[in-house]
Amino acid sequence: MAELVKEGDTYTHAFSFSQEDVVKFAEVTGDKNPVHLDADFAAKTPFKQRIMHGFLGGSIFSKVFGTLFPGEGTIYMRQEMKFMRPMYPDAKYEAVFTVTSVNAEKHRANVTTEVKEVESGKVTITGEATVLNTNRL
């Protein structure tokens, strides 16, 4: 049997999204804001280049919870997110997860969620999630 998740446990996951991923996300969601898709338009914004959709960056939380940590069978119950800085295609990021509390009777955990840009160490997304897993919590 896999080890149970406990308060204080951490997990990190490195990732990056390409401009092609941004285009696919725009197609799926319908969010075709030119700041994400049009380099000429984006050059005239305060960002000076195309930025990723905030929810594309935040989607890494779903990937990790759904498949990697705390483990298979995790159900995502709640997520709060605050977008602190823009995220850019092809930049390297790291998602950091820290278990802040576990309710073993209900098989639930609260987890802080954070995305950091690897090069600068600056936080781009911060938040907190609640997950359910009957095998790991």
C-alpha atoms as a PDB file:
ATOM      1  CA  MET A   1       0.000   0.000   0.000  1.00  0.00           C
ATOM      2  CA  ALA A   2       1.223   3.504  -0.807  1.00  0.00           C
ATOM      3  CA  GLU A   3       2.351   5.798   1.995  1.00  0.00           C
ATOM      4  CA  LEU A   4      -0.371   8.084   3.314  1.00  0.00           C
ATOM      5  CA  VAL A   5      -0.103  11.822   2.721  1.00  0.00           C
ATOM      6  CA  LYS A   6       0.397  13.878   5.870  1.00  0.00           C
ATOM      7  CA  GLU A   7       0.543  17.524   6.887  1.00  0.00           C
ATOM      8  CA  GLY A   8       3.807  19.135   5.788  1.00  0.00           C
ATOM      9  CA  ASP A   9       4.348  16.859   2.775  1.00  0.00           C
ATOM     10  CA  THR A  10       5.503  18.718  -0.336  1.00  0.00           C
ATOM     11  CA  TYR A  11       5.625  17.877  -4.009  1.00  0.00           C
ATOM     12  CA  THR A  12       7.164  19.820  -6.903  1.00  0.00           C
ATOM     13  CA  HIS A  13       6.592  19.464 -10.626  1.00  0.00           C
ATOM     14  CA  ALA A  14       8.559  21.203 -13.401  1.00  0.00           C
ATOM     15  CA  PHE A  15       6.674  22.233 -16.534  1.00  0.00           C
ATOM     16  CA  SER A  16       6.489  24.546 -19.511  1.00  0.00           C
ATOM     17  CA  PHE A  17       3.813  25.329 -22.090  1.00  0.00           C
ATOM     18  CA  SER A  18       4.560  26.204 -25.721  1.00  0.00           C
ATOM     19  CA  GLN A  19       2.823  28.798 -27.876  1.00  0.00           C
ATOM     20  CA  GLU A  20       1.186  25.833 -29.639  1.00  0.00           C
ATOM     21  CA  ASP A  21      -0.285  24.811 -26.262  1.00  0.00           C
ATOM     22  CA  VAL A  22      -1.600  28.370 -25.822  1.00  0.00           C
ATOM     23  CA  VAL A  23      -3.272  28.195 -29.247  1.00  0.00           C
ATOM     24  CA  LYS A  24      -4.860  24.821 -28.396  1.00  0.00           C
ATOM     25  CA  PHE A  25      -6.104  26.200 -25.069  1.00  0.00           C
ATOM     26  CA  ALA A  26      -7.631  29.186 -26.892  1.00  0.00           C
ATOM     27  CA  GLU A  27      -9.408  26.818 -29.279  1.00  0.00           C
ATOM     28  CA  VAL A  28     -10.800  24.625 -26.497  1.00  0.00           C
ATOM     29  CA  THR A  29     -11.916  27.503 -24.253  1.00  0.00           C
ATOM     30  CA  GLY A  30     -12.877  30.051 -26.892  1.00  0.00           C
ATOM     31  CA  ASP A  31     -10.673  32.661 -25.164  1.00  0.00           C
ATOM     32  CA  LYS A  32      -8.993  34.142 -28.220  1.00  0.00           C
ATOM     33  CA  ASN A  33      -7.810  37.348 -26.580  1.00  0.00           C
ATOM     34  CA  PRO A  34      -5.107  38.675 -28.926  1.00  0.00           C
ATOM     35  CA  VAL A  35      -2.675  39.203 -26.024  1.00  0.00           C
ATOM     36  CA  HIS A  36      -2.320  35.408 -26.067  1.00  0.00           C
ATOM     37  CA  LEU A  37      -2.253  34.840 -29.823  1.00  0.00           C
ATOM     38  CA  ASP A  38      -1.088  37.915 -31.752  1.00  0.00           C
ATOM     39  CA  ALA A  39       2.569  38.902 -31.312  1.00  0.00           C
ATOM     40  CA  ASP A  40       2.056  42.349 -32.892  1.00  0.00           C
ATOM     41  CA  PHE A  41      -0.902  43.118 -30.621  1.00  0.00           C
ATOM     42  CA  ALA A  42       0.907  41.815 -27.524  1.00  0.00           C
ATOM     43  CA  ALA A  43       3.991  43.936 -28.323  1.00  0.00           C
ATOM     44  CA  LYS A  44       1.855  47.055 -27.754  1.00  0.00           C
ATOM     45  CA  THR A  45       0.697  45.917 -24.291  1.00  0.00           C
ATOM     46  CA  PRO A  46       2.520  46.367 -20.975  1.00  0.00           C
ATOM     47  CA  PHE A  47       3.689  42.721 -21.348  1.00  0.00           C
ATOM     48  CA  LYS A  48       5.554  43.469 -24.636  1.00  0.00           C
ATOM     49  CA  GLN A  49       5.016  39.862 -25.777  1.00  0.00           C
ATOM     50  CA  ARG A  50       2.345  37.164 -25.846  1.00  0.00           C
ATOM     51  CA  ILE A  51       1.347  35.800 -22.455  1.00  0.00           C
ATOM     52  CA  MET A  52      -0.284  32.524 -21.521  1.00  0.00           C
ATOM     53  CA  HIS A  53      -3.862  32.293 -20.314  1.00  0.00           C
ATOM     54  CA  GLY A  54      -3.860  32.324 -16.512  1.00  0.00           C
ATOM     55  CA  PHE A  55      -5.992  29.205 -16.397  1.00  0.00           C
ATOM     56  CA  LEU A  56      -3.605  27.362 -18.707  1.00  0.00           C
ATOM     57  CA  GLY A  57      -0.857  27.991 -16.162  1.00  0.00           C
ATOM     58  CA  GLY A  58      -3.204  26.955 -13.343  1.00  0.00           C
ATOM     59  CA  SER A  59      -4.196  23.799 -15.194  1.00  0.00           C
ATOM     60  CA  ILE A  60      -0.952  22.227 -13.988  1.00  0.00           C
ATOM     61  CA  PHE A  61      -2.637  21.840 -10.588  1.00  0.00           C
ATOM     62  CA  SER A  62      -5.287  19.602 -12.153  1.00  0.00           C
ATOM     63  CA  LYS A  63      -2.650  17.474 -13.891  1.00  0.00           C
ATOM     64  CA  VAL A  64      -0.689  16.937 -10.692  1.00  0.00           C
ATOM     65  CA  PHE A  65      -3.710  16.267  -8.471  1.00  0.00           C
ATOM     66  CA  GLY A  66      -5.315  13.996 -11.048  1.00  0.00           C
ATOM     67  CA  THR A  67      -2.287  11.826 -11.711  1.00  0.00           C
ATOM     68  CA  LEU A  68       0.774  12.491  -9.547  1.00  0.00           C
ATOM     69  CA  PHE A  69       0.085  13.836  -6.027  1.00  0.00           C
ATOM     70  CA  PRO A  70      -1.381  12.682  -3.719  1.00  0.00           C
ATOM     71  CA  GLY A  71      -1.934   9.912  -6.264  1.00  0.00           C
ATOM     72  CA  GLU A  72      -4.282   8.161  -8.648  1.00  0.00           C
ATOM     73  CA  GLY A  73      -7.959   8.538  -7.835  1.00  0.00           C
ATOM     74  CA  THR A  74      -7.683  12.048  -6.377  1.00  0.00           C
ATOM     75  CA  ILE A  75     -10.825  14.149  -6.745  1.00  0.00           C
ATOM     76  CA  TYR A  76     -10.345  17.897  -7.028  1.00  0.00           C
ATOM     77  CA  MET A  77     -12.930  19.574  -4.774  1.00  0.00           C
ATOM     78  CA  ARG A  78     -11.920  23.234  -4.572  1.00  0.00           C
ATOM     79  CA  GLN A  79      -9.276  25.622  -5.854  1.00  0.00           C
ATOM     80  CA  GLU A  80      -8.572  29.256  -5.080  1.00  0.00           C
ATOM     81  CA  MET A  81      -6.078  30.983  -7.360  1.00  0.00           C
ATOM     82  CA  LYS A  82      -4.521  34.411  -7.449  1.00  0.00           C
ATOM     83  CA  PHE A  83      -2.639  35.393 -10.603  1.00  0.00           C
ATOM     84  CA  MET A  84       0.385  37.360  -9.388  1.00  0.00           C
ATOM     85  CA  ARG A  85       2.458  37.810 -12.560  1.00  0.00           C
ATOM     86  CA  PRO A  86       2.107  37.008 -16.262  1.00  0.00           C
ATOM     87  CA  MET A  87       3.329  33.654 -17.547  1.00  0.00           C
ATOM     88  CA  TYR A  88       5.055  33.267 -20.893  1.00  0.00           C
ATOM     89  CA  PRO A  89       5.138  30.444 -23.435  1.00  0.00           C
ATOM     90  CA  ASP A  90       8.307  28.326 -23.336  1.00  0.00           C
ATOM     91  CA  ALA A  91       9.436  29.694 -19.952  1.00  0.00           C
ATOM     92  CA  LYS A  92      10.309  27.101 -17.321  1.00  0.00           C
ATOM     93  CA  TYR A  93       8.059  26.897 -14.277  1.00  0.00           C
ATOM     94  CA  GLU A  94       7.777  24.797 -11.145  1.00  0.00           C
ATOM     95  CA  ALA A  95       4.537  23.986  -9.357  1.00  0.00           C
ATOM     96  CA  VAL A  96       4.912  23.544  -5.596  1.00  0.00           C
ATOM     97  CA  PHE A  97       2.332  21.735  -3.474  1.00  0.00           C
ATOM     98  CA  THR A  98       2.365  21.746   0.341  1.00  0.00           C
ATOM     99  CA  VAL A  99      -0.147  19.793   2.437  1.00  0.00           C
ATOM    100  CA  THR A 100      -1.425  22.142   5.152  1.00  0.00           C
ATOM    101  CA  SER A 101      -3.999  19.841   6.766  1.00  0.00           C
ATOM    102  CA  VAL A 102      -5.437  16.333   6.444  1.00  0.00           C
ATOM    103  CA  ASN A 103      -8.857  15.106   7.569  1.00  0.00           C
ATOM    104  CA  ALA A 104      -8.284  11.342   7.562  1.00  0.00           C
ATOM    105  CA  GLU A 105     -11.913  10.534   8.435  1.00  0.00           C
ATOM    106  CA  LYS A 106     -13.186  12.351   5.345  1.00  0.00           C
ATOM    107  CA  HIS A 107     -10.117  11.452   3.207  1.00  0.00           C
ATOM    108  CA  ARG A 108      -9.547  15.144   2.443  1.00  0.00           C
ATOM    109  CA  ALA A 109      -6.524  17.406   2.429  1.00  0.00           C
ATOM    110  CA  ASN A 110      -5.956  21.122   2.043  1.00  0.00           C
ATOM    111  CA  VAL A 111      -2.937  21.912  -0.095  1.00  0.00           C
ATOM    112  CA  THR A 112      -1.254  25.219  -0.918  1.00  0.00           C
ATOM    113  CA  THR A 113      -0.596  25.528  -4.632  1.00  0.00           C
ATOM    114  CA  GLU A 114       2.029  27.780  -6.115  1.00  0.00           C
ATOM    115  CA  VAL A 115       3.710  28.289  -9.468  1.00  0.00           C
ATOM    116  CA  LYS A 116       7.162  29.845  -9.635  1.00  0.00           C
ATOM    117  CA  GLU A 117       9.138  30.965 -12.638  1.00  0.00           C
ATOM    118  CA  VAL A 118      12.352  28.923 -12.436  1.00  0.00           C
ATOM    119  CA  GLU A 119      14.734  31.602 -13.756  1.00  0.00           C
ATOM    120  CA  SER A 120      13.639  34.417 -11.414  1.00  0.00           C
ATOM    121  CA  GLY A 121      12.085  32.415  -8.576  1.00  0.00           C
ATOM    122  CA  LYS A 122       9.105  34.791  -8.706  1.00  0.00           C
ATOM    123  CA  VAL A 123       5.647  33.458  -7.868  1.00  0.00           C
ATOM    124  CA  THR A 124       3.186  33.671 -10.769  1.00  0.00           C
ATOM    125  CA  ILE A 125       0.189  31.863  -9.249  1.00  0.00           C
ATOM    126  CA  THR A 126      -0.661  31.228  -5.619  1.00  0.00           C
ATOM    127  CA  GLY A 127      -3.631  29.475  -4.085  1.00  0.00           C
ATOM    128  CA  GLU A 128      -5.085  26.673  -2.058  1.00  0.00           C
ATOM    129  CA  ALA A 129      -6.923  23.490  -2.986  1.00  0.00           C
ATOM    130  CA  THR A 130      -8.983  20.821  -1.269  1.00  0.00           C
ATOM    131  CA  VAL A 131      -8.676  17.281  -2.582  1.00  0.00           C
ATOM    132  CA  LEU A 132     -10.263  13.916  -1.763  1.00  0.00           C
ATOM    133  CA  ASN A 133      -8.498  10.568  -2.057  1.00  0.00           C
ATOM    134  CA  THR A 134      -9.797   7.457  -0.319  1.00  0.00           C
ATOM    135  CA  ASN A 135      -6.522   5.541  -0.889  1.00  0.00           C
ATOM    136  CA  ARG A 136      -3.929   8.141   0.140  1.00  0.00           C
ATOM    137  CA  LEU A 137      -5.591  10.358   2.780  1.00  0.00           C
END
